[in-house]
């Protein structure tokens, strides 16, 4: 199936806007990765994936001065209502020079906000390649993470290094499927 024949979907909020990071609510431990903890933390929820989505694309946006902030991201997938989260990938990001003037989901005006234009993968354990599109930074483009959904039913994103010095004062993740 070509991209033109696949379904086209709008942006969805994967992680709501936060002003402090998810530290302390990560699901790293073997006993905390179970499905019952998929929504652990006040700001983190596992997003249900539409079964029509063959692949997922994610980007980040936040409030900060451009190219002065960094953050860490982690992605986990759940195959069903039982079992553990599988680590998809984790990495780093920087907010870039593409200004966010209107929120893509709410339509609200945004000021001093930027999209990530530089993303890097630190590690990945997904069976298929997790790729970053437009990794360079300073390109005037929006960087995205893309990967094959491989039938996952829920996706969880954790964001850290938010709200400190040289970090975004607010950050969120949005996603779409295709």
N, C-alpha and C. Protein backbone atom coordinates (compact mmCIF):
# COMPACT_ATOMS: atom_id res chain seq x y z
N UNK A 1 0.85 -1.17 0.00
CA UNK A 1 0.00 0.00 0.00
C UNK A 1 0.89 1.24 0.00
N UNK A 2 0.62 2.15 -0.85
CA UNK A 2 1.41 3.39 -0.88
C UNK A 2 0.83 4.38 0.12
N UNK A 3 1.61 5.40 0.42
CA UNK A 3 1.15 6.43 1.36
C UNK A 3 -0.12 7.09 0.88
N UNK A 4 -0.30 7.22 -0.44
CA UNK A 4 -1.51 7.85 -0.96
C UNK A 4 -2.74 6.99 -0.76
N UNK A 5 -2.54 5.68 -0.62
CA UNK A 5 -3.66 4.78 -0.41
C UNK A 5 -3.95 4.54 1.07
N UNK A 6 -3.05 4.96 1.95
CA UNK A 6 -3.27 4.74 3.37
C UNK A 6 -4.15 5.85 3.93
N UNK A 7 -4.73 5.59 5.10
CA UNK A 7 -5.57 6.59 5.74
C UNK A 7 -4.77 7.80 6.16
N UNK A 8 -5.36 8.96 6.11
CA UNK A 8 -4.70 10.19 6.55
C UNK A 8 -5.47 10.71 7.76
N UNK A 9 -4.75 10.96 8.84
CA UNK A 9 -5.39 11.33 10.09
C UNK A 9 -4.80 12.63 10.61
N UNK A 10 -5.57 13.37 11.41
CA UNK A 10 -5.11 14.62 12.00
C UNK A 10 -4.24 14.37 13.23
N UNK A 11 -3.68 15.44 13.76
CA UNK A 11 -2.84 15.35 14.95
C UNK A 11 -3.68 15.03 16.17
N UNK A 12 -3.11 14.24 17.06
CA UNK A 12 -3.72 13.89 18.35
C UNK A 12 -2.72 14.24 19.44
N UNK A 13 -3.19 14.56 20.63
CA UNK A 13 -2.30 14.87 21.74
C UNK A 13 -1.82 13.57 22.37
N UNK A 14 -0.52 13.31 22.32
CA UNK A 14 0.08 12.12 22.93
C UNK A 14 0.45 12.38 24.37
N UNK A 15 0.96 13.56 24.66
CA UNK A 15 1.33 13.93 26.02
C UNK A 15 0.91 15.36 26.23
N UNK A 16 0.08 15.60 27.25
CA UNK A 16 -0.40 16.97 27.45
C UNK A 16 0.73 17.88 27.87
N UNK A 17 0.51 19.16 27.70
CA UNK A 17 1.53 20.16 28.02
C UNK A 17 1.85 20.13 29.50
N UNK A 18 3.14 20.08 29.80
CA UNK A 18 3.59 20.04 31.19
C UNK A 18 4.60 21.16 31.42
N UNK A 19 4.68 21.61 32.66
CA UNK A 19 5.66 22.62 33.04
C UNK A 19 6.73 22.05 33.95
N UNK A 20 6.58 20.80 34.36
CA UNK A 20 7.60 20.08 35.11
C UNK A 20 7.63 18.68 34.55
N UNK A 21 8.78 18.01 34.63
CA UNK A 21 8.91 16.74 33.91
C UNK A 21 8.25 15.57 34.61
N UNK A 22 8.31 14.41 33.94
CA UNK A 22 7.69 13.19 34.42
C UNK A 22 8.56 12.40 35.40
N UNK A 23 9.65 12.98 35.87
CA UNK A 23 10.52 12.27 36.80
C UNK A 23 9.70 11.75 37.98
N UNK A 24 9.97 10.52 38.34
CA UNK A 24 9.25 9.89 39.44
C UNK A 24 8.04 9.10 39.00
N UNK A 25 7.61 9.26 37.75
CA UNK A 25 6.45 8.50 37.26
C UNK A 25 6.84 7.59 36.10
N UNK A 26 8.14 7.41 35.87
CA UNK A 26 8.57 6.55 34.78
C UNK A 26 8.20 5.10 35.07
N UNK A 27 8.06 4.30 34.04
CA UNK A 27 7.68 2.89 34.21
C UNK A 27 8.87 1.98 33.91
N UNK A 28 10.03 2.36 34.43
CA UNK A 28 11.24 1.60 34.13
C UNK A 28 11.32 0.26 34.83
N UNK A 29 10.79 0.16 36.04
CA UNK A 29 10.92 -1.07 36.80
C UNK A 29 10.10 -2.21 36.23
N UNK A 30 10.55 -3.43 36.45
CA UNK A 30 9.86 -4.61 35.91
C UNK A 30 8.45 -4.73 36.49
N UNK A 31 8.24 -4.31 37.71
CA UNK A 31 6.91 -4.45 38.32
C UNK A 31 6.00 -3.28 38.01
N UNK A 32 6.54 -2.20 37.46
CA UNK A 32 5.69 -1.04 37.16
C UNK A 32 5.35 -0.92 35.69
N UNK A 33 5.83 -1.82 34.85
CA UNK A 33 5.54 -1.75 33.42
C UNK A 33 4.22 -2.41 33.05
N UNK A 34 3.52 -3.01 34.03
CA UNK A 34 2.30 -3.73 33.67
C UNK A 34 1.20 -2.76 33.23
N UNK A 35 0.21 -3.31 32.58
CA UNK A 35 -0.85 -2.51 31.97
C UNK A 35 -1.60 -1.66 32.99
N UNK A 36 -1.73 -2.15 34.21
CA UNK A 36 -2.44 -1.40 35.25
C UNK A 36 -1.78 -0.05 35.53
N UNK A 37 -0.49 0.07 35.25
CA UNK A 37 0.23 1.32 35.49
C UNK A 37 0.40 2.16 34.23
N UNK A 38 -0.35 1.86 33.18
CA UNK A 38 -0.16 2.57 31.92
C UNK A 38 -0.42 4.07 32.03
N UNK A 39 -1.23 4.48 32.99
CA UNK A 39 -1.53 5.89 33.17
C UNK A 39 -0.90 6.45 34.44
N UNK A 40 0.20 5.84 34.89
CA UNK A 40 0.87 6.28 36.12
C UNK A 40 1.34 7.72 35.96
N UNK A 41 1.17 8.49 37.01
CA UNK A 41 1.58 9.89 36.97
C UNK A 41 0.41 10.79 36.65
N UNK A 42 0.51 12.03 37.04
CA UNK A 42 -0.61 12.96 36.84
C UNK A 42 -0.71 13.46 35.42
N UNK A 43 0.40 13.46 34.68
CA UNK A 43 0.40 14.03 33.33
C UNK A 43 0.55 12.99 32.23
N UNK A 44 0.81 11.75 32.60
CA UNK A 44 1.12 10.72 31.61
C UNK A 44 -0.05 9.76 31.46
N UNK A 45 -0.49 9.56 30.25
CA UNK A 45 -1.50 8.54 29.97
C UNK A 45 -1.07 7.79 28.72
N UNK A 46 -1.49 6.56 28.64
CA UNK A 46 -1.22 5.78 27.43
C UNK A 46 -2.33 6.07 26.43
N UNK A 47 -1.94 6.47 25.23
CA UNK A 47 -2.88 6.87 24.20
C UNK A 47 -3.34 5.65 23.42
N UNK A 48 -4.66 5.44 23.26
CA UNK A 48 -5.13 4.31 22.45
C UNK A 48 -4.83 4.55 20.97
N UNK A 49 -4.30 3.55 20.31
CA UNK A 49 -3.92 3.65 18.90
C UNK A 49 -5.05 3.10 18.03
N UNK A 50 -5.45 3.87 17.06
CA UNK A 50 -6.47 3.43 16.12
C UNK A 50 -5.92 2.25 15.33
N UNK A 51 -6.68 1.18 15.25
CA UNK A 51 -6.17 -0.01 14.55
C UNK A 51 -5.98 0.22 13.06
N UNK A 52 -6.45 1.34 12.53
CA UNK A 52 -6.22 1.68 11.13
C UNK A 52 -4.82 2.26 10.91
N UNK A 53 -4.14 2.63 12.01
CA UNK A 53 -2.82 3.23 11.90
C UNK A 53 -1.77 2.15 11.67
N UNK A 54 -1.14 2.17 10.53
CA UNK A 54 -0.04 1.24 10.24
C UNK A 54 1.28 1.77 10.79
N UNK A 55 1.41 3.08 10.80
CA UNK A 55 2.64 3.71 11.27
C UNK A 55 2.27 4.94 12.08
N UNK A 56 3.22 5.40 12.88
CA UNK A 56 2.99 6.53 13.78
C UNK A 56 4.06 7.58 13.54
N UNK A 57 3.67 8.85 13.58
CA UNK A 57 4.59 9.96 13.48
C UNK A 57 4.37 10.87 14.69
N UNK A 58 5.45 11.27 15.35
CA UNK A 58 5.39 12.06 16.58
C UNK A 58 6.28 13.29 16.44
N UNK A 59 5.85 14.41 16.98
CA UNK A 59 6.70 15.58 17.11
C UNK A 59 6.45 16.23 18.46
N UNK A 60 7.30 17.18 18.80
CA UNK A 60 7.24 17.83 20.10
C UNK A 60 7.19 19.34 19.89
N UNK A 61 6.58 20.03 20.85
CA UNK A 61 6.54 21.48 20.81
C UNK A 61 6.52 21.99 22.24
N UNK A 62 7.03 23.21 22.42
CA UNK A 62 7.07 23.73 23.76
C UNK A 62 7.38 25.20 23.81
N UNK A 63 7.30 25.75 25.02
CA UNK A 63 7.56 27.16 25.25
C UNK A 63 8.98 27.33 25.75
N UNK A 64 9.75 28.15 25.04
CA UNK A 64 11.14 28.42 25.41
C UNK A 64 11.76 29.27 24.33
N UNK A 65 12.95 29.76 24.60
CA UNK A 65 13.71 30.43 23.55
C UNK A 65 14.22 29.35 22.60
N UNK A 66 14.18 29.61 21.30
CA UNK A 66 14.60 28.58 20.35
C UNK A 66 16.08 28.26 20.49
N UNK A 67 16.42 27.02 20.27
CA UNK A 67 17.79 26.49 20.31
C UNK A 67 18.51 26.72 21.64
N UNK A 68 17.77 26.88 22.72
CA UNK A 68 18.42 27.01 24.02
C UNK A 68 17.94 25.94 24.98
N UNK A 69 17.09 25.06 24.50
CA UNK A 69 16.48 24.10 25.42
C UNK A 69 16.65 22.67 24.91
N UNK A 70 16.71 21.76 25.85
CA UNK A 70 16.76 20.35 25.48
C UNK A 70 15.83 19.56 26.39
N UNK A 71 15.48 18.37 25.94
CA UNK A 71 14.60 17.51 26.72
C UNK A 71 14.89 16.06 26.35
N UNK A 72 14.39 15.14 27.17
CA UNK A 72 14.52 13.71 26.93
C UNK A 72 13.13 13.14 26.70
N UNK A 73 13.04 12.16 25.81
CA UNK A 73 11.76 11.51 25.54
C UNK A 73 11.94 9.99 25.57
N UNK A 74 10.86 9.29 25.95
CA UNK A 74 10.82 7.82 25.96
C UNK A 74 9.47 7.39 25.43
N UNK A 75 9.46 6.36 24.60
CA UNK A 75 8.22 5.82 24.04
C UNK A 75 8.07 4.36 24.42
N UNK A 76 6.86 3.99 24.84
CA UNK A 76 6.52 2.60 25.18
C UNK A 76 5.25 2.21 24.46
N UNK A 77 5.15 0.95 24.08
CA UNK A 77 3.95 0.44 23.44
C UNK A 77 3.37 -0.73 24.22
N UNK A 78 2.04 -0.81 24.26
CA UNK A 78 1.32 -1.93 24.87
C UNK A 78 0.58 -2.67 23.76
N UNK A 79 0.69 -3.97 23.74
CA UNK A 79 0.00 -4.77 22.72
C UNK A 79 -1.44 -5.06 23.08
N UNK A 80 -1.78 -4.99 24.36
CA UNK A 80 -3.15 -5.28 24.77
C UNK A 80 -3.40 -4.84 26.20
N UNK A 81 -4.51 -5.28 26.73
CA UNK A 81 -4.91 -4.87 28.07
C UNK A 81 -4.22 -5.66 29.17
N UNK A 82 -3.38 -6.58 28.83
CA UNK A 82 -2.60 -7.33 29.81
C UNK A 82 -1.16 -7.33 29.36
N UNK A 83 -0.26 -7.53 30.28
CA UNK A 83 1.14 -7.58 29.91
C UNK A 83 1.87 -6.29 30.18
N UNK A 84 3.11 -6.28 29.76
CA UNK A 84 4.01 -5.16 30.06
C UNK A 84 4.19 -4.24 28.87
N UNK A 85 4.64 -3.04 29.20
CA UNK A 85 5.00 -2.08 28.17
C UNK A 85 6.30 -2.51 27.52
N UNK A 86 6.39 -2.35 26.23
CA UNK A 86 7.63 -2.63 25.51
C UNK A 86 8.28 -1.30 25.16
N UNK A 87 9.55 -1.17 25.51
CA UNK A 87 10.28 0.04 25.17
C UNK A 87 10.44 0.10 23.66
N UNK A 88 10.02 1.21 23.06
CA UNK A 88 10.17 1.40 21.62
C UNK A 88 11.49 2.09 21.35
N UNK A 89 11.68 3.26 21.95
CA UNK A 89 12.92 4.03 21.77
C UNK A 89 12.95 5.15 22.79
N UNK A 90 14.14 5.70 22.97
CA UNK A 90 14.26 6.92 23.79
C UNK A 90 15.36 7.77 23.19
N UNK A 91 15.31 9.07 23.53
CA UNK A 91 16.30 9.97 22.95
C UNK A 91 16.21 11.37 23.49
N UNK A 92 16.77 12.29 22.73
CA UNK A 92 16.85 13.69 23.12
C UNK A 92 16.21 14.57 22.06
N UNK A 93 15.91 15.80 22.43
CA UNK A 93 15.36 16.74 21.49
C UNK A 93 15.68 18.17 21.86
N UNK A 94 15.64 19.04 20.87
CA UNK A 94 15.84 20.47 21.05
C UNK A 94 14.72 21.20 20.34
N UNK A 95 14.20 22.24 20.99
CA UNK A 95 13.23 23.09 20.31
C UNK A 95 13.98 23.97 19.32
N UNK A 96 13.40 24.18 18.17
CA UNK A 96 14.12 24.84 17.09
C UNK A 96 13.66 26.23 16.77
N UNK A 97 13.70 26.58 15.48
CA UNK A 97 13.37 27.94 15.07
C UNK A 97 12.03 28.04 14.35
N UNK A 98 11.28 26.93 14.25
CA UNK A 98 9.96 26.99 13.65
C UNK A 98 8.96 27.37 14.73
N UNK A 99 8.48 28.60 14.65
CA UNK A 99 7.58 29.12 15.68
C UNK A 99 6.21 28.45 15.61
N UNK A 100 5.67 28.20 16.77
CA UNK A 100 4.31 27.69 16.90
C UNK A 100 3.44 28.90 17.19
N UNK A 101 2.61 29.30 16.25
CA UNK A 101 1.76 30.48 16.45
C UNK A 101 0.32 30.09 16.77
N UNK A 102 -0.12 28.94 16.27
CA UNK A 102 -1.45 28.41 16.56
C UNK A 102 -1.30 26.94 16.92
N UNK A 103 -1.88 26.54 18.05
CA UNK A 103 -1.78 25.14 18.47
C UNK A 103 -2.48 24.26 17.45
N UNK A 104 -1.83 23.18 16.98
CA UNK A 104 -2.41 22.37 15.90
C UNK A 104 -3.65 21.57 16.29
N UNK A 105 -3.90 21.41 17.58
CA UNK A 105 -5.08 20.65 18.02
C UNK A 105 -6.17 21.58 18.54
N UNK A 106 -5.81 22.50 19.43
CA UNK A 106 -6.81 23.36 20.07
C UNK A 106 -7.16 24.58 19.25
N UNK A 107 -6.24 25.03 18.38
CA UNK A 107 -6.45 26.25 17.62
C UNK A 107 -6.16 27.52 18.41
N UNK A 108 -5.71 27.37 19.67
CA UNK A 108 -5.39 28.53 20.50
C UNK A 108 -4.11 29.20 20.01
N UNK A 109 -4.02 30.51 20.21
CA UNK A 109 -2.81 31.26 19.88
C UNK A 109 -1.68 30.83 20.82
N UNK A 110 -0.47 30.80 20.29
CA UNK A 110 0.71 30.43 21.09
C UNK A 110 1.78 31.49 20.89
N UNK A 111 2.50 31.81 21.97
CA UNK A 111 3.60 32.76 21.89
C UNK A 111 4.83 32.15 22.53
N UNK A 112 5.99 32.55 22.07
CA UNK A 112 7.28 32.05 22.58
C UNK A 112 7.31 30.53 22.59
N UNK A 113 6.72 29.92 21.59
CA UNK A 113 6.67 28.46 21.50
C UNK A 113 7.26 28.02 20.17
N UNK A 114 7.90 26.85 20.19
CA UNK A 114 8.58 26.33 19.01
C UNK A 114 8.40 24.83 18.90
N UNK A 115 8.50 24.33 17.68
CA UNK A 115 8.54 22.89 17.43
C UNK A 115 9.97 22.39 17.60
N UNK A 116 10.11 21.11 17.87
CA UNK A 116 11.44 20.50 17.90
C UNK A 116 11.94 20.39 16.46
N UNK A 117 13.17 20.82 16.22
CA UNK A 117 13.74 20.66 14.89
C UNK A 117 14.97 19.78 14.93
N UNK A 118 15.30 19.27 16.11
CA UNK A 118 16.44 18.38 16.25
C UNK A 118 16.08 17.28 17.24
N UNK A 119 16.05 16.05 16.77
CA UNK A 119 15.77 14.88 17.60
C UNK A 119 16.86 13.84 17.36
N UNK A 120 17.16 13.08 18.39
CA UNK A 120 18.14 12.00 18.25
C UNK A 120 17.66 10.80 19.04
N UNK A 121 17.95 9.62 18.54
CA UNK A 121 17.61 8.38 19.24
C UNK A 121 18.83 7.92 20.01
N UNK A 122 18.66 7.72 21.32
CA UNK A 122 19.75 7.21 22.16
C UNK A 122 19.78 5.69 22.14
N UNK A 123 18.60 5.08 22.18
CA UNK A 123 18.52 3.62 22.06
C UNK A 123 17.13 3.25 21.55
N UNK A 124 17.06 2.11 20.88
CA UNK A 124 15.79 1.59 20.42
C UNK A 124 15.82 0.08 20.48
N UNK A 125 14.68 -0.50 20.82
CA UNK A 125 14.58 -1.96 20.90
C UNK A 125 13.38 -2.47 20.12
N UNK A 126 12.82 -1.62 19.28
CA UNK A 126 11.66 -1.97 18.48
C UNK A 126 12.09 -2.93 17.37
N UNK A 127 11.28 -3.94 17.04
CA UNK A 127 11.68 -4.90 16.01
C UNK A 127 11.94 -4.30 14.63
N UNK A 128 11.30 -3.16 14.33
CA UNK A 128 11.54 -2.47 13.06
C UNK A 128 12.18 -1.12 13.36
N UNK A 129 12.78 -0.55 12.35
CA UNK A 129 13.52 0.70 12.51
C UNK A 129 12.63 1.84 13.00
N UNK A 130 13.11 2.55 14.01
CA UNK A 130 12.52 3.81 14.44
C UNK A 130 13.39 4.89 13.81
N UNK A 131 12.77 5.79 13.06
CA UNK A 131 13.60 6.77 12.35
C UNK A 131 13.22 8.19 12.75
N UNK A 132 14.20 9.06 12.60
CA UNK A 132 14.01 10.48 12.81
C UNK A 132 14.11 11.15 11.45
N UNK A 133 13.15 11.99 11.14
CA UNK A 133 13.17 12.74 9.89
C UNK A 133 13.56 14.17 10.22
N UNK A 134 14.53 14.70 9.50
CA UNK A 134 15.06 16.05 9.66
C UNK A 134 15.75 16.21 11.01
N UNK A 135 16.84 15.52 11.18
CA UNK A 135 17.56 15.51 12.45
C UNK A 135 18.49 16.69 12.64
N UNK A 136 18.75 17.47 11.60
CA UNK A 136 19.83 18.43 11.62
C UNK A 136 19.72 19.64 12.50
N UNK A 137 18.55 20.16 12.77
CA UNK A 137 18.44 21.40 13.50
C UNK A 137 18.81 22.58 12.61
N UNK A 138 18.35 23.76 12.98
CA UNK A 138 18.61 24.99 12.22
C UNK A 138 18.22 24.87 10.75
N UNK A 139 17.23 24.06 10.46
CA UNK A 139 16.86 23.84 9.07
C UNK A 139 15.55 24.51 8.69
N UNK A 140 14.85 25.05 9.67
CA UNK A 140 13.54 25.62 9.38
C UNK A 140 12.50 24.56 9.16
N UNK A 141 12.78 23.33 9.59
CA UNK A 141 11.84 22.22 9.44
C UNK A 141 11.47 21.67 10.82
N UNK A 142 10.43 20.86 10.86
CA UNK A 142 9.97 20.22 12.10
C UNK A 142 10.45 18.78 12.08
N UNK A 143 11.19 18.38 13.09
CA UNK A 143 11.68 17.00 13.17
C UNK A 143 10.58 16.08 13.69
N UNK A 144 10.55 14.85 13.19
CA UNK A 144 9.55 13.87 13.63
C UNK A 144 10.20 12.53 13.87
N UNK A 145 9.55 11.76 14.74
CA UNK A 145 9.90 10.36 14.97
C UNK A 145 8.86 9.55 14.21
N UNK A 146 9.31 8.54 13.45
CA UNK A 146 8.37 7.70 12.70
C UNK A 146 8.72 6.23 12.91
N UNK A 147 7.68 5.40 13.06
CA UNK A 147 7.91 3.96 13.21
C UNK A 147 6.66 3.18 12.86
N UNK A 148 6.86 1.92 12.52
CA UNK A 148 5.77 0.99 12.23
C UNK A 148 5.08 0.65 13.55
N UNK A 149 3.78 0.78 13.61
CA UNK A 149 3.03 0.53 14.84
C UNK A 149 3.05 -0.94 15.26
N UNK A 150 3.22 -1.84 14.33
CA UNK A 150 3.29 -3.28 14.61
C UNK A 150 2.16 -3.78 15.51
N UNK A 151 0.98 -3.21 15.35
CA UNK A 151 -0.19 -3.70 16.06
C UNK A 151 -0.32 -3.29 17.51
N UNK A 152 0.45 -2.31 17.99
CA UNK A 152 0.28 -1.90 19.38
C UNK A 152 -1.09 -1.27 19.57
N UNK A 153 -1.62 -1.40 20.78
CA UNK A 153 -2.94 -0.84 21.07
C UNK A 153 -2.87 0.45 21.87
N UNK A 154 -1.75 0.68 22.56
CA UNK A 154 -1.57 1.91 23.35
C UNK A 154 -0.13 2.38 23.21
N UNK A 155 0.05 3.70 23.24
CA UNK A 155 1.37 4.30 23.17
C UNK A 155 1.53 5.25 24.35
N UNK A 156 2.64 5.14 25.05
CA UNK A 156 2.93 6.00 26.20
C UNK A 156 4.21 6.79 25.92
N UNK A 157 4.18 8.08 26.21
CA UNK A 157 5.33 8.95 26.05
C UNK A 157 5.68 9.56 27.40
N UNK A 158 6.96 9.52 27.76
CA UNK A 158 7.43 10.17 28.97
C UNK A 158 8.41 11.26 28.58
N UNK A 159 8.29 12.41 29.23
CA UNK A 159 9.15 13.56 28.95
C UNK A 159 9.88 13.97 30.22
N UNK A 160 11.19 14.12 30.13
CA UNK A 160 11.96 14.58 31.28
C UNK A 160 12.86 15.73 30.86
N UNK A 161 13.47 16.34 31.85
CA UNK A 161 14.25 17.57 31.69
C UNK A 161 13.36 18.68 31.16
N UNK A 162 12.29 18.95 31.88
CA UNK A 162 11.36 20.02 31.55
C UNK A 162 11.24 20.94 32.77
N UNK A 163 11.35 22.23 32.57
CA UNK A 163 11.12 23.18 33.64
C UNK A 163 12.36 23.64 34.38
N UNK A 164 13.54 23.21 33.98
CA UNK A 164 14.77 23.64 34.63
C UNK A 164 15.53 24.61 33.75
N UNK A 165 16.73 24.92 34.16
CA UNK A 165 17.55 25.84 33.37
C UNK A 165 17.95 25.18 32.06
N UNK A 166 17.92 25.91 30.98
CA UNK A 166 18.17 25.40 29.63
C UNK A 166 17.22 24.29 29.24
N UNK A 167 16.03 24.30 29.80
CA UNK A 167 15.01 23.31 29.47
C UNK A 167 13.71 24.04 29.14
N UNK A 168 12.83 23.42 28.37
CA UNK A 168 11.56 24.09 28.04
C UNK A 168 10.77 24.43 29.30
N UNK A 169 10.09 25.56 29.29
CA UNK A 169 9.21 25.90 30.41
C UNK A 169 7.87 25.19 30.28
N UNK A 170 7.57 24.68 29.11
CA UNK A 170 6.39 23.85 28.86
C UNK A 170 6.72 22.96 27.66
N UNK A 171 6.19 21.75 27.64
CA UNK A 171 6.49 20.81 26.56
C UNK A 171 5.34 19.85 26.38
N UNK A 172 5.06 19.46 25.14
CA UNK A 172 4.07 18.43 24.87
C UNK A 172 4.43 17.67 23.62
N UNK A 173 3.82 16.49 23.46
CA UNK A 173 4.05 15.65 22.29
C UNK A 173 2.72 15.46 21.57
N UNK A 174 2.78 15.52 20.22
CA UNK A 174 1.59 15.24 19.41
C UNK A 174 1.93 14.14 18.42
N UNK A 175 0.91 13.45 17.95
CA UNK A 175 1.15 12.32 17.06
C UNK A 175 0.04 12.21 16.04
N UNK A 176 0.34 11.48 14.98
CA UNK A 176 -0.66 11.14 13.98
C UNK A 176 -0.32 9.75 13.45
N UNK A 177 -1.27 9.14 12.81
CA UNK A 177 -1.04 7.84 12.21
C UNK A 177 -1.25 7.90 10.70
N UNK A 178 -0.68 6.93 10.04
CA UNK A 178 -0.89 6.83 8.59
C UNK A 178 -0.75 5.40 8.16
